[in-house]
Amino acid sequence: MNTVAKSATTGKQRMPKHNVHLLVSCPDARGIVAAITGFLTDHNVNVLDLDQHTDSDQGWFFARVAFDLTGCDVSLDRLTELWTRIADTLHMTWRIHDTAAKRRMAILVSKRDHCCRELLWRWEDGELDCEIPLVISNHEDLRDVIERFNVPFHALPVTPDSRSEQEKRIQELLIKNHVDVVVLARYMQVLTKSFVDRWPSRIINIRHSFLPAFAGGRPYHQAYDRGVKVIGATCHYVTEDLDAGPIIEQAVVQVNHRDTVGDLVRKGADLERSALVTGVRLHLQDRVLVHGQRTVVFQ
C-alpha cells in the first residue's frame, strides 16, 4: 500500500521539492546577497542553500543559490523575467537551471575505455543526474562495451581527409539529440575552434597533469625517465587553447622509485577516472562558474 509522508509537526502532506539553481557573477557591491534573498523571499521561494565568494583582488562577486520553487507565487518563466530586471541593475552574468529538466550528456571516446566506463557506471547507478543519449567514437573498438549499457554508439572513423566532415557529423548528432554537455573521455582528437565556440564551458576534458613538461606521446614513460615524485590528472573545460581551459578538478598521488612505468600508467588512469567523474558531477550540479581563465567551484 502506498503511503504519503506527513510532517511531524503539522500533520500536513509534504510536497515534493521543485529545486532550481541560480548562479551569478558580477562586480562586487554592497547588498548583493540581500537583493538575491529579498527577491526570492518576496515571491515565497524557500532558499535551500546559498554559497558565495568574493574575489577581493578583482572586486568580483560569485554565488550559487539553490531554492525550492514549490510555493512560488509565479511560474519559473515569470520569476526569471522579473529577476532579469534586478540582475541588469547589478550588471550580473547569471543563469537559472530547473533541476526537473535533466541535462543531456554526450560522451566522446577513442580506444581507451576507463574514463568512459566510469562515467557510464556512475550514471547507471544514478550518481550522475543526467541523460546519456549517445556515445561517439572515432573507432569501433568499444561498441560492445558501450552497448552493454543500452546507450546508442556511433563510430565515426577520422582520417586527415575526413576530419572536417566527421566533426560536422558529430555536431549534427549532438544537435539532433539535444545535447547540453559534451564529455571527452580520452577522445584523442583535437576539436576545431568553431566546434568549441558552439559549446562554451560545456565541453569537459580529462588529461594527465604533466603538461607542459611532458607533452606529446608516452607521458608516463617520460615521467618515469625523469623520476617524478607526483603524478596527476586535470579535468577542465575545453577552449581553443589546447589543454589550457579553465580547470574544474585535479587529482594527484605520490609515486616513488619503486613504481614501474606500468604502475604510473595504472595510477594515472585511476586519477583520470576520479577527476573526470568529480568534474562532471560538479558541472551537472551547477557548482562551477567560469571567470576568464579561472573557475569558482562551490563544493
Protein backbone atom coordinates (compact mmCIF):
# COMPACT_ATOMS: atom_id res chain seq x y z
CA MET A 1 0.00 0.00 0.00
CA ASN A 2 1.33 3.42 -0.95
CA THR A 3 1.70 5.92 1.85
CA VAL A 4 2.43 9.63 1.90
CA ALA A 5 4.94 11.09 4.35
CA LYS A 6 3.45 13.66 6.71
CA SER A 7 5.01 16.48 8.66
CA ALA A 8 5.72 15.50 12.26
CA THR A 9 4.68 18.95 13.49
CA THR A 10 1.67 19.85 11.36
CA GLY A 11 0.38 16.54 10.02
CA LYS A 12 0.23 18.08 6.53
CA GLN A 13 1.39 16.20 3.46
CA ARG A 14 4.93 17.02 2.46
CA MET A 15 5.02 18.48 -1.00
CA PRO A 16 7.85 17.29 -3.26
CA LYS A 17 10.54 19.91 -3.72
CA HIS A 18 10.98 21.65 -7.05
CA ASN A 19 14.64 22.60 -6.91
CA VAL A 20 16.15 25.35 -9.03
CA HIS A 21 19.74 26.60 -9.16
CA LEU A 22 20.77 30.21 -9.72
CA LEU A 23 24.40 31.10 -10.46
CA VAL A 24 25.55 34.70 -10.61
CA SER A 25 28.74 36.67 -11.06
CA CYS A 26 29.09 40.44 -11.10
CA PRO A 27 31.18 43.35 -9.83
CA ASP A 28 31.24 43.25 -6.05
CA ALA A 29 28.98 45.75 -4.29
CA ARG A 30 27.08 46.13 -1.05
CA GLY A 31 23.69 44.46 -0.79
CA ILE A 32 24.01 41.78 -3.47
CA VAL A 33 23.11 38.90 -1.14
CA ALA A 34 20.23 40.92 0.27
CA ALA A 35 18.99 41.64 -3.26
CA ILE A 36 19.04 37.92 -4.12
CA THR A 37 17.42 36.62 -0.95
CA GLY A 38 14.98 39.50 -0.74
CA PHE A 39 13.76 38.90 -4.27
CA LEU A 40 13.25 35.19 -3.63
CA THR A 41 11.51 35.82 -0.30
CA ASP A 42 9.17 38.33 -1.93
CA HIS A 43 7.98 35.55 -4.22
CA ASN A 44 7.54 32.97 -1.46
CA VAL A 45 10.60 30.98 -2.54
CA ASN A 46 12.45 28.91 0.06
CA VAL A 47 16.26 29.19 -0.16
CA LEU A 48 17.81 25.77 0.44
CA ASP A 49 21.48 26.63 0.05
CA LEU A 50 23.48 29.77 -0.65
CA ASP A 51 27.22 29.76 -1.25
CA GLN A 52 29.14 32.90 -2.14
CA HIS A 53 32.68 34.07 -2.83
CA THR A 54 34.22 37.46 -3.36
CA ASP A 55 37.49 37.80 -5.25
CA SER A 56 38.93 40.79 -3.42
CA ASP A 57 41.81 41.21 -5.88
CA GLN A 58 39.47 41.60 -8.85
CA GLY A 59 36.50 43.02 -6.97
CA TRP A 60 34.18 40.33 -8.29
CA PHE A 61 31.29 38.54 -6.62
CA PHE A 62 30.13 34.94 -7.24
CA ALA A 63 27.22 32.99 -5.81
CA ARG A 64 25.27 29.76 -6.18
CA VAL A 65 21.74 29.65 -4.81
CA ALA A 66 19.61 26.52 -4.60
CA PHE A 67 15.95 27.17 -3.90
CA ASP A 68 12.62 25.35 -3.77
CA LEU A 69 10.06 26.72 -6.22
CA THR A 70 7.15 24.73 -4.76
CA GLY A 71 5.42 27.67 -3.04
CA CYS A 72 6.42 30.36 -5.53
CA ASP A 73 3.66 32.82 -6.42
CA VAL A 74 4.63 32.93 -10.13
CA SER A 75 5.87 30.50 -12.77
CA LEU A 76 9.59 29.94 -13.26
CA ASP A 77 9.44 31.77 -16.59
CA ARG A 78 7.85 34.77 -14.91
CA LEU A 79 10.27 34.61 -11.99
CA THR A 80 13.16 34.60 -14.46
CA GLU A 81 11.71 37.59 -16.28
CA LEU A 82 11.35 39.53 -13.04
CA TRP A 83 14.85 38.53 -11.90
CA THR A 84 16.32 39.89 -15.13
CA ARG A 85 15.38 43.43 -14.10
CA ILE A 86 17.31 43.15 -10.83
CA ALA A 87 20.26 41.36 -12.41
CA ASP A 88 20.62 44.06 -15.04
CA THR A 89 20.90 46.78 -12.39
CA LEU A 90 23.75 44.83 -10.75
CA HIS A 91 25.48 44.09 -14.10
CA MET A 92 25.22 40.36 -13.46
CA THR A 93 26.12 37.42 -15.62
CA TRP A 94 23.76 34.69 -14.48
CA ARG A 95 21.90 31.51 -15.34
CA ILE A 96 19.00 29.57 -13.88
CA HIS A 97 18.62 25.80 -14.14
CA ASP A 98 15.45 23.89 -13.33
CA THR A 99 16.70 20.54 -11.99
CA ALA A 100 13.50 18.87 -13.17
CA ALA A 101 14.93 19.15 -16.68
CA LYS A 102 17.84 16.70 -16.70
CA ARG A 103 20.82 17.68 -18.77
CA ARG A 104 21.66 15.51 -21.77
CA MET A 105 25.31 14.49 -21.84
CA ALA A 106 27.18 13.03 -24.80
CA ILE A 107 30.47 11.15 -24.36
CA LEU A 108 33.25 11.17 -26.94
CA VAL A 109 35.89 8.43 -26.61
CA SER A 110 38.65 6.82 -28.68
CA LYS A 111 40.14 3.42 -27.73
CA ARG A 112 40.90 3.66 -24.01
CA ASP A 113 37.70 2.91 -22.14
CA HIS A 114 38.49 3.52 -18.46
CA CYS A 115 37.03 7.04 -18.25
CA CYS A 116 34.01 6.25 -20.41
CA ARG A 117 33.20 3.12 -18.39
CA GLU A 118 33.48 5.05 -15.14
CA LEU A 119 31.01 7.66 -16.34
CA LEU A 120 28.56 5.03 -17.53
CA TRP A 121 28.86 3.03 -14.30
CA ARG A 122 28.20 6.12 -12.17
CA TRP A 123 25.33 7.15 -14.44
CA GLU A 124 23.80 3.66 -14.36
CA ASP A 125 23.95 3.73 -10.55
CA GLY A 126 22.14 7.07 -10.51
CA GLU A 127 25.12 9.04 -9.25
CA LEU A 128 25.24 11.35 -12.28
CA ASP A 129 21.91 13.12 -12.64
CA CYS A 130 21.67 13.36 -16.41
CA GLU A 131 20.61 11.54 -19.54
CA ILE A 132 23.19 9.98 -21.88
CA PRO A 133 21.59 9.78 -25.34
CA LEU A 134 24.72 8.66 -27.18
CA VAL A 135 28.43 7.85 -27.17
CA ILE A 136 30.56 8.78 -30.18
CA SER A 137 33.96 7.32 -31.04
CA ASN A 138 36.48 7.57 -33.84
CA HIS A 139 36.96 3.78 -33.56
CA GLU A 140 34.74 0.69 -33.49
CA ASP A 141 36.66 -0.94 -30.63
CA LEU A 142 34.30 -0.02 -27.78
CA ARG A 143 30.94 -0.74 -29.42
CA ASP A 144 30.24 -3.88 -27.36
CA VAL A 145 31.34 -2.18 -24.14
CA ILE A 146 29.06 0.82 -24.67
CA GLU A 147 26.04 -1.07 -25.91
CA ARG A 148 26.02 -3.19 -22.73
CA PHE A 149 24.81 -0.02 -21.03
CA ASN A 150 21.97 0.28 -23.58
CA VAL A 151 23.41 3.55 -24.88
CA PRO A 152 23.48 4.18 -28.65
CA PHE A 153 27.02 4.03 -30.04
CA HIS A 154 28.19 5.89 -33.14
CA ALA A 155 31.57 5.11 -34.73
CA LEU A 156 32.88 7.91 -36.96
CA PRO A 157 36.41 6.99 -38.09
CA VAL A 158 38.66 10.00 -38.59
CA THR A 159 41.39 10.37 -41.20
CA PRO A 160 43.24 13.53 -42.22
CA ASP A 161 40.94 13.76 -45.24
CA SER A 162 37.71 13.09 -43.32
CA ARG A 163 38.35 15.16 -40.19
CA SER A 164 36.21 18.14 -41.19
CA GLU A 165 33.31 16.02 -42.43
CA GLN A 166 33.31 13.79 -39.35
CA GLU A 167 33.34 16.76 -36.99
CA LYS A 168 30.34 18.10 -38.87
CA ARG A 169 28.58 14.75 -38.40
CA ILE A 170 29.35 14.83 -34.66
CA GLN A 171 27.80 18.28 -34.42
CA GLU A 172 24.71 17.05 -36.25
CA LEU A 173 24.34 14.12 -33.85
CA LEU A 174 24.75 16.37 -30.81
CA ILE A 175 22.12 18.81 -32.08
CA LYS A 176 19.71 16.05 -33.12
CA ASN A 177 19.95 14.52 -29.64
CA HIS A 178 19.53 17.89 -27.87
CA VAL A 179 22.84 17.52 -26.05
CA ASP A 180 23.64 20.06 -23.31
CA VAL A 181 27.16 18.98 -22.32
CA VAL A 182 29.92 17.06 -24.11
CA VAL A 183 32.50 14.99 -22.22
CA LEU A 184 35.78 13.99 -23.84
CA ALA A 185 36.56 10.72 -22.06
CA ARG A 186 40.02 10.25 -23.55
CA TYR A 187 38.90 11.32 -27.02
CA MET A 188 42.20 11.63 -28.81
CA GLN A 189 41.20 14.19 -31.41
CA VAL A 190 41.65 17.96 -31.41
CA LEU A 191 38.39 19.86 -31.85
CA THR A 192 38.29 22.88 -34.12
CA LYS A 193 37.68 26.41 -32.85
CA SER A 194 34.24 26.54 -34.48
CA PHE A 195 33.22 23.36 -32.63
CA VAL A 196 34.47 24.64 -29.27
CA ASP A 197 32.87 28.06 -29.77
CA ARG A 198 29.49 26.41 -30.20
CA TRP A 199 29.70 24.79 -26.74
CA PRO A 200 31.32 27.39 -24.46
CA SER A 201 32.01 25.99 -20.97
CA ARG A 202 30.04 22.87 -21.93
CA ILE A 203 32.84 20.64 -23.23
CA ILE A 204 34.69 18.84 -20.44
CA ASN A 205 38.04 17.12 -20.98
CA ILE A 206 40.37 14.94 -18.91
CA ARG A 207 44.14 14.85 -19.30
CA HIS A 208 47.24 14.00 -17.35
CA SER A 209 48.77 16.84 -15.35
CA PHE A 210 52.28 16.74 -16.77
CA LEU A 211 51.66 19.48 -19.32
CA PRO A 212 53.62 21.38 -20.42
CA ALA A 213 56.55 19.38 -19.00
CA PHE A 214 55.79 16.10 -20.78
CA ALA A 215 53.76 16.99 -23.83
CA GLY A 216 53.14 14.56 -26.66
CA GLY A 217 53.01 10.78 -26.59
CA ARG A 218 54.01 8.38 -23.81
CA PRO A 219 53.92 11.00 -21.00
CA TYR A 220 54.20 8.38 -18.24
CA HIS A 221 57.34 6.97 -19.84
CA GLN A 222 58.79 10.48 -19.89
CA ALA A 223 57.79 10.95 -16.25
CA TYR A 224 59.39 7.67 -15.28
CA ASP A 225 62.62 8.61 -17.04
CA ARG A 226 62.70 11.89 -15.12
CA GLY A 227 61.95 10.24 -11.78
CA VAL A 228 58.87 12.29 -10.93
CA LYS A 229 57.50 12.07 -7.40
CA VAL A 230 53.93 13.18 -8.12
CA ILE A 231 51.56 12.38 -10.97
CA GLY A 232 48.11 13.81 -11.53
CA ALA A 233 45.06 14.33 -13.71
CA THR A 234 43.24 17.51 -14.66
CA CYS A 235 39.58 17.91 -15.59
CA HIS A 236 38.92 21.16 -17.42
CA TYR A 237 36.67 22.95 -19.86
CA VAL A 238 37.82 22.89 -23.47
CA THR A 239 38.83 26.13 -25.17
CA GLU A 240 40.60 26.86 -28.43
CA ASP A 241 43.89 26.77 -26.49
CA LEU A 242 44.74 23.08 -26.41
CA ASP A 243 44.65 21.58 -22.88
CA ALA A 244 44.64 25.05 -21.33
CA GLY A 245 40.98 25.66 -20.48
CA PRO A 246 39.62 26.62 -17.03
CA ILE A 247 40.28 23.86 -14.51
CA ILE A 248 37.34 22.20 -12.71
CA GLU A 249 39.06 19.45 -10.73
CA GLN A 250 42.53 17.96 -10.20
CA ALA A 251 43.72 14.78 -8.52
CA VAL A 252 47.28 13.81 -7.57
CA VAL A 253 49.14 10.90 -6.00
CA GLN A 254 52.73 10.48 -4.87
CA VAL A 255 54.96 7.94 -6.61
CA ASN A 256 58.49 6.79 -5.94
CA HIS A 257 61.44 4.84 -7.30
CA ARG A 258 59.69 1.53 -6.74
CA ASP A 259 56.96 2.36 -9.25
CA THR A 260 57.34 0.98 -12.76
CA VAL A 261 56.04 2.64 -15.91
CA GLY A 262 53.08 0.27 -15.66
CA ASP A 263 52.42 1.45 -12.11
CA LEU A 264 52.41 5.07 -13.25
CA VAL A 265 50.01 4.32 -16.10
CA ARG A 266 47.66 2.42 -13.78
CA LYS A 267 47.72 5.10 -11.08
CA GLY A 268 47.28 7.78 -13.72
CA ALA A 269 44.20 6.02 -15.10
CA ASP A 270 42.71 5.88 -11.60
CA LEU A 271 43.28 9.61 -11.18
CA GLU A 272 41.75 10.35 -14.58
CA ARG A 273 38.60 8.43 -13.68
CA SER A 274 38.26 10.16 -10.32
CA ALA A 275 38.93 13.69 -11.56
CA LEU A 276 36.65 13.36 -14.57
CA VAL A 277 33.67 11.98 -12.64
CA THR A 278 34.06 14.68 -9.99
CA GLY A 279 34.34 17.42 -12.60
CA VAL A 280 31.29 16.18 -14.49
CA ARG A 281 29.27 15.87 -11.27
CA LEU A 282 30.17 19.44 -10.26
CA HIS A 283 29.10 20.72 -13.67
CA LEU A 284 25.80 18.83 -13.60
CA GLN A 285 25.07 20.20 -10.13
CA ASP A 286 25.69 23.80 -11.29
CA ARG A 287 28.63 24.22 -8.95
CA VAL A 288 31.10 25.73 -11.43
CA LEU A 289 31.35 29.34 -12.53
CA VAL A 290 33.88 30.29 -15.19
CA HIS A 291 35.55 33.68 -14.87
CA GLY A 292 38.18 34.33 -17.51
CA GLN A 293 40.71 31.52 -17.34
CA ARG A 294 39.72 30.51 -13.81
CA THR A 295 36.79 28.78 -12.17
CA VAL A 296 34.95 29.24 -8.92
CA VAL A 297 33.83 25.80 -7.72
CA PHE A 298 31.21 25.60 -4.99
CA GLN A 299 31.75 22.15 -3.43
